[in-house]
Amino acid sequence: MNMMKIDGCALSVDCILSQAQKRIDELQQVIDFLQMQLEKAPEGTLYSTSSHSQAQWQRIVGSKRSYLSKGKTKLIRALAQKKYNTLLLDDFKRQRSVLDQLVNSYVPQNGEKIFMSMGDRLREQIVPLNIPDSDFADLWQSLRYKGKTIENTGLLTAKGECVRSKSEIIIADVLASLGIPYRYEFPHELKCVESSRCVKVYSDFTCLNVRTRKEFVWEHFGMMDDAEYAQNAVVKIEMYQNSGYFLGDNFIFTMESRDKPLNSQMVQKLAKKYLV
């Protein structure tokens, strides 16, 4: 769900600026480290020659050259490291400069602003390369599906949906409060670990990160102090992994027991980390 397509063309979600800024921060840390190391480095530069297939080392300080004996191993290594650090520093500064120019001049554009800048009548005649996030979220949310049959539990979310537990109310209401689209008990096909057959499961919540346009499954395991339930939960998690769902990538799970109920603050943190 993180690709925008039209007639065979595709653009991935534009993360160039965030990735560039991350790289800039990493480069700057290394630049600072290298500069610190060079300040501590011995004076002069290292020059190597060979005589009778044996390496000979010279130290150059200004216009003065001096040979370094085998006993000067520590100094030779320090000067070699200094030369390497100097070349590395120059290249990393060059990379930093290029990325700085990119960040200052690049404006991410997958076509949404251009599409929205056109009049309503024109937009009605156009198939856009990419629809705006809000329209994409509405389209995703509008999908009709047949969920799992649920009797009237009397447990309602803020949106008026009937759910199976108070913990599911907490999760649903956090998602709604953060504007995260979700589908309750949306069906997914999972591959069994010990066989090739597939099993239909109704995941507690299937959520959409609107910014990245990526789907996440959120399962809540609410009776982890029950041995049989806990064993079934482990099997279910393994089935998700076997089907390409991995924790933090496109899968989230929470759990609780009688003594350790669901922590609503943790639900908030998980939702903000992966879904906003």
C-alpha atoms as a PDB file:
ATOM      1  CA  MET A   1       0.000   0.000   0.000  1.00  0.00           C
ATOM      2  CA  ASN A   2       3.007   2.320  -0.060  1.00  0.00           C
ATOM      3  CA  MET A   3       3.195   2.692  -3.848  1.00  0.00           C
ATOM      4  CA  MET A   4       1.216   5.074  -6.039  1.00  0.00           C
ATOM      5  CA  LYS A   5       0.493   3.691  -9.513  1.00  0.00           C
ATOM      6  CA  ILE A   6      -1.053   4.879 -12.748  1.00  0.00           C
ATOM      7  CA  ASP A   7      -0.964   2.896 -15.989  1.00  0.00           C
ATOM      8  CA  GLY A   8       2.091   0.895 -14.928  1.00  0.00           C
ATOM      9  CA  CYS A   9       4.040   3.877 -13.522  1.00  0.00           C
ATOM     10  CA  ALA A  10       4.848   3.993  -9.841  1.00  0.00           C
ATOM     11  CA  LEU A  11       6.299   6.371  -7.282  1.00  0.00           C
ATOM     12  CA  SER A  12       7.226   5.265  -3.806  1.00  0.00           C
ATOM     13  CA  VAL A  13       6.371   7.458  -0.832  1.00  0.00           C
ATOM     14  CA  ASP A  14       8.968  10.237  -0.823  1.00  0.00           C
ATOM     15  CA  CYS A  15      11.241   9.855   2.203  1.00  0.00           C
ATOM     16  CA  ILE A  16      14.291  11.475   0.607  1.00  0.00           C
ATOM     17  CA  LEU A  17      14.478  14.511   2.898  1.00  0.00           C
ATOM     18  CA  SER A  18      14.091  12.515   6.120  1.00  0.00           C
ATOM     19  CA  GLN A  19      16.707  10.018   4.951  1.00  0.00           C
ATOM     20  CA  ALA A  20      19.032  12.813   3.827  1.00  0.00           C
ATOM     21  CA  GLN A  21      18.707  14.587   7.177  1.00  0.00           C
ATOM     22  CA  LYS A  22      19.412  11.338   9.025  1.00  0.00           C
ATOM     23  CA  ARG A  23      22.520  10.840   6.904  1.00  0.00           C
ATOM     24  CA  ILE A  24      23.611  14.438   7.536  1.00  0.00           C
ATOM     25  CA  ASP A  25      23.320  13.917  11.281  1.00  0.00           C
ATOM     26  CA  GLU A  26      25.358  10.698  11.058  1.00  0.00           C
ATOM     27  CA  LEU A  27      28.008  12.348   8.887  1.00  0.00           C
ATOM     28  CA  GLN A  28      28.305  15.270  11.280  1.00  0.00           C
ATOM     29  CA  GLN A  29      28.896  12.923  14.213  1.00  0.00           C
ATOM     30  CA  VAL A  30      31.709  11.207  12.297  1.00  0.00           C
ATOM     31  CA  ILE A  31      33.131  14.574  11.131  1.00  0.00           C
ATOM     32  CA  ASP A  32      33.264  15.811  14.731  1.00  0.00           C
ATOM     33  CA  PHE A  33      34.942  12.564  15.821  1.00  0.00           C
ATOM     34  CA  LEU A  34      37.539  12.697  13.028  1.00  0.00           C
ATOM     35  CA  GLN A  35      38.351  16.334  13.736  1.00  0.00           C
ATOM     36  CA  MET A  36      38.884  15.461  17.402  1.00  0.00           C
ATOM     37  CA  GLN A  37      41.195  12.577  16.452  1.00  0.00           C
ATOM     38  CA  LEU A  38      43.193  14.762  14.071  1.00  0.00           C
ATOM     39  CA  GLU A  39      43.746  17.357  16.793  1.00  0.00           C
ATOM     40  CA  LYS A  40      45.415  14.631  18.878  1.00  0.00           C
ATOM     41  CA  ALA A  41      47.426  13.199  15.970  1.00  0.00           C
ATOM     42  CA  PRO A  42      51.230  13.616  15.838  1.00  0.00           C
ATOM     43  CA  GLU A  43      52.731  16.335  13.681  1.00  0.00           C
ATOM     44  CA  GLY A  44      53.686  15.609  10.104  1.00  0.00           C
ATOM     45  CA  THR A  45      52.683  13.188   7.365  1.00  0.00           C
ATOM     46  CA  LEU A  46      53.759   9.644   6.536  1.00  0.00           C
ATOM     47  CA  TYR A  47      55.516   8.689   3.309  1.00  0.00           C
ATOM     48  CA  SER A  48      56.456   5.137   2.333  1.00  0.00           C
ATOM     49  CA  THR A  49      59.125   3.748   0.051  1.00  0.00           C
ATOM     50  CA  SER A  50      60.557   0.270  -0.403  1.00  0.00           C
ATOM     51  CA  SER A  51      64.082  -1.065  -0.452  1.00  0.00           C
ATOM     52  CA  HIS A  52      64.829  -4.694  -1.321  1.00  0.00           C
ATOM     53  CA  SER A  53      61.096  -5.470  -0.951  1.00  0.00           C
ATOM     54  CA  GLN A  54      61.123  -4.031   2.538  1.00  0.00           C
ATOM     55  CA  ALA A  55      58.903  -1.085   3.516  1.00  0.00           C
ATOM     56  CA  GLN A  56      60.648   2.056   4.635  1.00  0.00           C
ATOM     57  CA  TRP A  57      58.830   4.870   6.348  1.00  0.00           C
ATOM     58  CA  GLN A  58      59.543   8.556   6.357  1.00  0.00           C
ATOM     59  CA  ARG A  59      57.992  11.320   8.397  1.00  0.00           C
ATOM     60  CA  ILE A  60      57.610  14.685   6.708  1.00  0.00           C
ATOM     61  CA  VAL A  61      57.286  17.787   8.864  1.00  0.00           C
ATOM     62  CA  GLY A  62      57.382  20.951   6.765  1.00  0.00           C
ATOM     63  CA  SER A  63      60.425  20.564   4.523  1.00  0.00           C
ATOM     64  CA  LYS A  64      62.146  18.113   6.825  1.00  0.00           C
ATOM     65  CA  ARG A  65      62.163  14.365   6.174  1.00  0.00           C
ATOM     66  CA  SER A  66      63.272  11.753   8.671  1.00  0.00           C
ATOM     67  CA  TYR A  67      63.340   7.969   8.481  1.00  0.00           C
ATOM     68  CA  LEU A  68      61.370   6.003  11.018  1.00  0.00           C
ATOM     69  CA  SER A  69      62.927   2.832  12.339  1.00  0.00           C
ATOM     70  CA  LYS A  70      61.031  -0.409  12.984  1.00  0.00           C
ATOM     71  CA  GLY A  71      60.929   0.544  16.632  1.00  0.00           C
ATOM     72  CA  LYS A  72      58.667   3.497  15.790  1.00  0.00           C
ATOM     73  CA  THR A  73      55.663   1.228  15.078  1.00  0.00           C
ATOM     74  CA  LYS A  74      53.319   3.245  17.259  1.00  0.00           C
ATOM     75  CA  LEU A  75      54.226   6.519  15.523  1.00  0.00           C
ATOM     76  CA  ILE A  76      53.981   4.915  12.065  1.00  0.00           C
ATOM     77  CA  ARG A  77      50.502   3.646  12.809  1.00  0.00           C
ATOM     78  CA  ALA A  78      49.430   6.991  14.259  1.00  0.00           C
ATOM     79  CA  LEU A  79      50.622   8.858  11.148  1.00  0.00           C
ATOM     80  CA  ALA A  80      48.983   6.290   8.839  1.00  0.00           C
ATOM     81  CA  GLN A  81      45.728   6.667  10.744  1.00  0.00           C
ATOM     82  CA  LYS A  82      46.082  10.444  10.507  1.00  0.00           C
ATOM     83  CA  LYS A  83      46.418  10.236   6.714  1.00  0.00           C
ATOM     84  CA  TYR A  84      43.375   7.965   6.471  1.00  0.00           C
ATOM     85  CA  ASN A  85      41.314  10.184   8.809  1.00  0.00           C
ATOM     86  CA  THR A  86      42.244  13.285   6.794  1.00  0.00           C
ATOM     87  CA  LEU A  87      41.085  11.731   3.504  1.00  0.00           C
ATOM     88  CA  LEU A  88      37.950  10.407   5.173  1.00  0.00           C
ATOM     89  CA  LEU A  89      37.185  13.793   6.706  1.00  0.00           C
ATOM     90  CA  ASP A  90      37.511  15.563   3.351  1.00  0.00           C
ATOM     91  CA  ASP A  91      35.170  13.077   1.672  1.00  0.00           C
ATOM     92  CA  PHE A  92      32.581  13.206   4.450  1.00  0.00           C
ATOM     93  CA  LYS A  93      32.619  17.020   4.359  1.00  0.00           C
ATOM     94  CA  ARG A  94      32.025  16.806   0.606  1.00  0.00           C
ATOM     95  CA  GLN A  95      29.091  14.422   1.160  1.00  0.00           C
ATOM     96  CA  ARG A  96      27.702  16.704   3.850  1.00  0.00           C
ATOM     97  CA  SER A  97      27.900  19.704   1.525  1.00  0.00           C
ATOM     98  CA  VAL A  98      26.062  17.871  -1.274  1.00  0.00           C
ATOM     99  CA  LEU A  99      23.310  16.715   1.092  1.00  0.00           C
ATOM    100  CA  ASP A 100      22.970  20.205   2.591  1.00  0.00           C
ATOM    101  CA  GLN A 101      22.327  21.561  -0.902  1.00  0.00           C
ATOM    102  CA  LEU A 102      19.768  18.790  -1.490  1.00  0.00           C
ATOM    103  CA  VAL A 103      17.883  19.519   1.729  1.00  0.00           C
ATOM    104  CA  ASN A 104      17.838  23.252   0.991  1.00  0.00           C
ATOM    105  CA  SER A 105      16.638  22.911  -2.601  1.00  0.00           C
ATOM    106  CA  TYR A 106      14.610  19.687  -2.872  1.00  0.00           C
ATOM    107  CA  VAL A 107      10.842  19.883  -2.492  1.00  0.00           C
ATOM    108  CA  PRO A 108       9.136  16.466  -2.278  1.00  0.00           C
ATOM    109  CA  GLN A 109       6.275  16.260  -4.738  1.00  0.00           C
ATOM    110  CA  ASN A 110       4.352  13.176  -5.755  1.00  0.00           C
ATOM    111  CA  GLY A 111       1.723  15.221  -7.514  1.00  0.00           C
ATOM    112  CA  GLU A 112      -0.785  15.833  -4.720  1.00  0.00           C
ATOM    113  CA  LYS A 113      -0.248  19.613  -4.548  1.00  0.00           C
ATOM    114  CA  ILE A 114      -0.471  20.005  -8.302  1.00  0.00           C
ATOM    115  CA  PHE A 115      -3.659  17.953  -8.402  1.00  0.00           C
ATOM    116  CA  MET A 116      -5.243  19.940  -5.561  1.00  0.00           C
ATOM    117  CA  SER A 117      -4.208  23.268  -7.132  1.00  0.00           C
ATOM    118  CA  MET A 118      -6.385  22.538 -10.152  1.00  0.00           C
ATOM    119  CA  GLY A 119     -10.040  23.519 -10.186  1.00  0.00           C
ATOM    120  CA  ASP A 120     -12.778  21.118  -9.106  1.00  0.00           C
ATOM    121  CA  ARG A 121     -14.039  20.691 -12.668  1.00  0.00           C
ATOM    122  CA  LEU A 122     -10.585  19.853 -13.994  1.00  0.00           C
ATOM    123  CA  ARG A 123      -9.908  17.402 -11.146  1.00  0.00           C
ATOM    124  CA  GLU A 124     -13.057  15.491 -12.057  1.00  0.00           C
ATOM    125  CA  GLN A 125     -11.591  14.843 -15.527  1.00  0.00           C
ATOM    126  CA  ILE A 126      -8.174  13.703 -14.331  1.00  0.00           C
ATOM    127  CA  VAL A 127      -6.778  10.365 -13.145  1.00  0.00           C
ATOM    128  CA  PRO A 128      -4.068  11.580 -10.722  1.00  0.00           C
ATOM    129  CA  LEU A 129      -0.718   9.900 -10.295  1.00  0.00           C
ATOM    130  CA  ASN A 130      -1.273  10.084  -6.569  1.00  0.00           C
ATOM    131  CA  ILE A 131      -4.259  11.165  -4.537  1.00  0.00           C
ATOM    132  CA  PRO A 132      -3.858  13.333  -1.400  1.00  0.00           C
ATOM    133  CA  ASP A 133      -3.356  11.562   1.922  1.00  0.00           C
ATOM    134  CA  SER A 134      -6.833  12.425   3.182  1.00  0.00           C
ATOM    135  CA  ASP A 135      -8.471  11.008   0.054  1.00  0.00           C
ATOM    136  CA  PHE A 136      -6.268   7.928   0.197  1.00  0.00           C
ATOM    137  CA  ALA A 137      -7.236   7.347   3.834  1.00  0.00           C
ATOM    138  CA  ASP A 138     -10.939   7.771   3.028  1.00  0.00           C
ATOM    139  CA  LEU A 139     -10.646   5.322   0.140  1.00  0.00           C
ATOM    140  CA  TRP A 140      -8.819   2.802   2.345  1.00  0.00           C
ATOM    141  CA  GLN A 141     -11.363   3.183   5.133  1.00  0.00           C
ATOM    142  CA  SER A 142     -14.336   2.809   2.781  1.00  0.00           C
ATOM    143  CA  LEU A 143     -13.484  -0.767   1.768  1.00  0.00           C
ATOM    144  CA  ARG A 144     -16.407  -3.062   2.514  1.00  0.00           C
ATOM    145  CA  TYR A 145     -15.584  -6.416   4.120  1.00  0.00           C
ATOM    146  CA  LYS A 146     -17.257  -9.150   6.078  1.00  0.00           C
ATOM    147  CA  GLY A 147     -15.868  -9.310   9.582  1.00  0.00           C
ATOM    148  CA  LYS A 148     -16.370 -11.883  12.290  1.00  0.00           C
ATOM    149  CA  THR A 149     -19.883 -12.167  13.704  1.00  0.00           C
ATOM    150  CA  ILE A 150     -20.142 -10.438  17.061  1.00  0.00           C
ATOM    151  CA  GLU A 151     -23.054 -10.404  19.465  1.00  0.00           C
ATOM    152  CA  ASN A 152     -24.042  -7.257  21.294  1.00  0.00           C
ATOM    153  CA  THR A 153     -21.449  -7.105  24.059  1.00  0.00           C
ATOM    154  CA  GLY A 154     -22.511  -3.667  25.253  1.00  0.00           C
ATOM    155  CA  LEU A 155     -18.895  -2.568  24.785  1.00  0.00           C
ATOM    156  CA  LEU A 156     -18.791   0.395  22.413  1.00  0.00           C
ATOM    157  CA  THR A 157     -15.899   2.466  21.136  1.00  0.00           C
ATOM    158  CA  ALA A 158     -16.024   6.245  20.816  1.00  0.00           C
ATOM    159  CA  LYS A 159     -17.034   5.670  17.181  1.00  0.00           C
ATOM    160  CA  GLY A 160     -19.956   3.507  18.282  1.00  0.00           C
ATOM    161  CA  GLU A 161     -18.470   0.173  17.211  1.00  0.00           C
ATOM    162  CA  CYS A 162     -19.260  -2.951  19.198  1.00  0.00           C
ATOM    163  CA  VAL A 163     -16.072  -4.731  20.314  1.00  0.00           C
ATOM    164  CA  ARG A 164     -15.246  -7.732  22.476  1.00  0.00           C
ATOM    165  CA  SER A 165     -13.334  -6.252  25.407  1.00  0.00           C
ATOM    166  CA  LYS A 166     -12.570  -3.093  27.335  1.00  0.00           C
ATOM    167  CA  SER A 167      -8.974  -3.351  26.135  1.00  0.00           C
ATOM    168  CA  GLU A 168     -10.138  -3.221  22.534  1.00  0.00           C
ATOM    169  CA  ILE A 169     -12.063  -0.059  23.410  1.00  0.00           C
ATOM    170  CA  ILE A 170      -8.798   1.461  24.672  1.00  0.00           C
ATOM    171  CA  ILE A 171      -6.936   0.574  21.467  1.00  0.00           C
ATOM    172  CA  ALA A 172      -9.764   1.685  19.170  1.00  0.00           C
ATOM    173  CA  ASP A 173     -10.215   4.995  20.969  1.00  0.00           C
ATOM    174  CA  VAL A 174      -6.476   5.750  20.916  1.00  0.00           C
ATOM    175  CA  LEU A 175      -6.377   5.066  17.173  1.00  0.00           C
ATOM    176  CA  ALA A 176      -9.415   7.256  16.597  1.00  0.00           C
ATOM    177  CA  SER A 177      -8.044  10.085  18.746  1.00  0.00           C
ATOM    178  CA  LEU A 178      -4.830  10.124  16.690  1.00  0.00           C
ATOM    179  CA  GLY A 179      -6.717  10.070  13.402  1.00  0.00           C
ATOM    180  CA  ILE A 180      -5.382   6.635  12.467  1.00  0.00           C
ATOM    181  CA  PRO A 181      -7.728   4.751  10.107  1.00  0.00           C
ATOM    182  CA  TYR A 182      -8.417   1.163  11.136  1.00  0.00           C
ATOM    183  CA  ARG A 183     -10.577  -1.818  10.294  1.00  0.00           C
ATOM    184  CA  TYR A 184     -11.902  -3.923  13.146  1.00  0.00           C
ATOM    185  CA  GLU A 185     -11.562  -7.695  12.689  1.00  0.00           C
ATOM    186  CA  PHE A 186     -10.558  -7.503   9.051  1.00  0.00           C
ATOM    187  CA  PRO A 187      -9.921 -10.984   7.558  1.00  0.00           C
ATOM    188  CA  HIS A 188      -6.370 -12.061   6.674  1.00  0.00           C
ATOM    189  CA  GLU A 189      -5.030 -15.329   5.279  1.00  0.00           C
ATOM    190  CA  LEU A 190      -2.131 -16.730   7.317  1.00  0.00           C
ATOM    191  CA  LYS A 191       0.139 -19.632   6.441  1.00  0.00           C
ATOM    192  CA  CYS A 192       0.402 -22.413   9.008  1.00  0.00           C
ATOM    193  CA  VAL A 193       3.939 -22.993  10.243  1.00  0.00           C
ATOM    194  CA  GLU A 194       3.902 -26.793  10.022  1.00  0.00           C
ATOM    195  CA  SER A 195       1.937 -27.135   6.781  1.00  0.00           C
ATOM    196  CA  SER A 196       1.310 -25.288   3.541  1.00  0.00           C
ATOM    197  CA  ARG A 197      -2.364 -24.661   4.203  1.00  0.00           C
ATOM    198  CA  CYS A 198      -3.744 -21.204   4.935  1.00  0.00           C
ATOM    199  CA  VAL A 199      -6.081 -20.189   7.745  1.00  0.00           C
ATOM    200  CA  LYS A 200      -8.380 -17.193   7.774  1.00  0.00           C
ATOM    201  CA  VAL A 201      -7.972 -15.042  10.869  1.00  0.00           C
ATOM    202  CA  TYR A 202      -9.825 -11.893  11.865  1.00  0.00           C
ATOM    203  CA  SER A 203      -7.115  -9.573  13.147  1.00  0.00           C
ATOM    204  CA  ASP A 204      -8.204  -7.322  16.000  1.00  0.00           C
ATOM    205  CA  PHE A 205      -7.196  -4.160  14.151  1.00  0.00           C
ATOM    206  CA  THR A 206      -5.769  -3.552  10.699  1.00  0.00           C
ATOM    207  CA  CYS A 207      -4.381  -0.016  10.735  1.00  0.00           C
ATOM    208  CA  LEU A 208      -3.105   2.434   8.141  1.00  0.00           C
ATOM    209  CA  ASN A 209      -0.136   4.731   8.582  1.00  0.00           C
ATOM    210  CA  VAL A 210      -1.405   7.516   6.322  1.00  0.00           C
ATOM    211  CA  ARG A 211       2.009   9.177   6.051  1.00  0.00           C
ATOM    212  CA  THR A 212       3.747   6.059   4.682  1.00  0.00           C
ATOM    213  CA  ARG A 213       0.539   4.447   3.335  1.00  0.00           C
ATOM    214  CA  LYS A 214       1.575   1.202   4.985  1.00  0.00           C
ATOM    215  CA  GLU A 215      -0.746  -1.287   6.686  1.00  0.00           C
ATOM    216  CA  PHE A 216      -0.101  -2.713  10.140  1.00  0.00           C
ATOM    217  CA  VAL A 217      -1.907  -5.556  11.879  1.00  0.00           C
ATOM    218  CA  TRP A 218      -2.466  -4.988  15.601  1.00  0.00           C
ATOM    219  CA  GLU A 219      -3.325  -8.022  17.710  1.00  0.00           C
ATOM    220  CA  HIS A 220      -4.191  -7.859  21.385  1.00  0.00           C
ATOM    221  CA  PHE A 221      -3.728 -10.921  23.569  1.00  0.00           C
ATOM    222  CA  GLY A 222      -5.822 -10.443  26.659  1.00  0.00           C
ATOM    223  CA  MET A 223      -5.569 -13.638  28.744  1.00  0.00           C
ATOM    224  CA  MET A 224      -1.865 -14.356  28.912  1.00  0.00           C
ATOM    225  CA  ASP A 225      -2.106 -15.891  32.398  1.00  0.00           C
ATOM    226  CA  ASP A 226      -4.145 -18.722  30.867  1.00  0.00           C
ATOM    227  CA  ALA A 227      -1.656 -21.380  29.711  1.00  0.00           C
ATOM    228  CA  GLU A 228      -3.727 -22.656  26.781  1.00  0.00           C
ATOM    229  CA  TYR A 229      -4.537 -19.128  25.594  1.00  0.00           C
ATOM    230  CA  ALA A 230      -0.854 -18.114  25.841  1.00  0.00           C
ATOM    231  CA  GLN A 231       0.180 -21.174  23.815  1.00  0.00           C
ATOM    232  CA  ASN A 232      -2.381 -20.323  21.131  1.00  0.00           C
ATOM    233  CA  ALA A 233      -1.088 -16.743  21.089  1.00  0.00           C
ATOM    234  CA  VAL A 234       2.455 -17.991  20.425  1.00  0.00           C
ATOM    235  CA  VAL A 235       1.201 -20.170  17.563  1.00  0.00           C
ATOM    236  CA  LYS A 236      -0.713 -17.226  16.103  1.00  0.00           C
ATOM    237  CA  ILE A 237       2.329 -14.938  16.256  1.00  0.00           C
ATOM    238  CA  GLU A 238       4.385 -17.621  14.507  1.00  0.00           C
ATOM    239  CA  MET A 239       1.723 -17.830  11.780  1.00  0.00           C
ATOM    240  CA  TYR A 240       1.918 -14.066  11.293  1.00  0.00           C
ATOM    241  CA  GLN A 241       5.707 -14.271  10.971  1.00  0.00           C
ATOM    242  CA  ASN A 242       5.383 -17.172   8.540  1.00  0.00           C
ATOM    243  CA  SER A 243       3.081 -14.991   6.452  1.00  0.00           C
ATOM    244  CA  GLY A 244       5.401 -11.987   6.272  1.00  0.00           C
ATOM    245  CA  TYR A 245       4.231  -9.997   9.298  1.00  0.00           C
ATOM    246  CA  PHE A 246       7.093  -8.903  11.511  1.00  0.00           C
ATOM    247  CA  LEU A 247       7.057  -6.928  14.747  1.00  0.00           C
ATOM    248  CA  GLY A 248       7.629  -3.219  14.162  1.00  0.00           C
ATOM    249  CA  ASP A 249       7.592  -3.621  10.384  1.00  0.00           C
ATOM    250  CA  ASN A 250       3.917  -4.347   9.732  1.00  0.00           C
ATOM    251  CA  PHE A 251       2.829  -6.055  12.952  1.00  0.00           C
ATOM    252  CA  ILE A 252       2.086  -4.788  16.460  1.00  0.00           C
ATOM    253  CA  PHE A 253       0.846  -6.744  19.433  1.00  0.00           C
ATOM    254  CA  THR A 254      -0.120  -5.932  22.989  1.00  0.00           C
ATOM    255  CA  MET A 255      -0.920  -8.309  25.837  1.00  0.00           C
ATOM    256  CA  GLU A 256      -2.235  -8.395  29.358  1.00  0.00           C
ATOM    257  CA  SER A 257      -3.100 -10.667  32.273  1.00  0.00           C
ATOM    258  CA  ARG A 258      -5.316 -10.300  35.319  1.00  0.00           C
ATOM    259  CA  ASP A 259      -2.463  -8.796  37.339  1.00  0.00           C
ATOM    260  CA  LYS A 260      -1.051  -6.719  34.476  1.00  0.00           C
ATOM    261  CA  PRO A 261      -3.904  -5.016  32.583  1.00  0.00           C
ATOM    262  CA  LEU A 262      -3.375  -3.188  29.313  1.00  0.00           C
ATOM    263  CA  ASN A 263      -1.459   0.063  29.770  1.00  0.00           C
ATOM    264  CA  SER A 264      -3.185   2.832  27.808  1.00  0.00           C
ATOM    265  CA  GLN A 265      -0.003   4.938  27.817  1.00  0.00           C
ATOM    266  CA  MET A 266       1.860   2.097  26.095  1.00  0.00           C
ATOM    267  CA  VAL A 267      -0.922   1.886  23.500  1.00  0.00           C
ATOM    268  CA  GLN A 268      -0.411   5.602  22.835  1.00  0.00           C
ATOM    269  CA  LYS A 269       3.362   5.147  22.460  1.00  0.00           C
ATOM    270  CA  LEU A 270       3.005   2.217  20.064  1.00  0.00           C
ATOM    271  CA  ALA A 271       0.427   4.017  17.949  1.00  0.00           C
ATOM    272  CA  LYS A 272       2.538   7.175  17.700  1.00  0.00           C
ATOM    273  CA  LYS A 273       5.740   5.250  16.940  1.00  0.00           C
ATOM    274  CA  TYR A 274       4.405   3.073  14.142  1.00  0.00           C
ATOM    275  CA  LEU A 275       1.183   4.588  12.846  1.00  0.00           C
ATOM    276  CA  VAL A 276       1.572   8.378  12.823  1.00  0.00           C
END
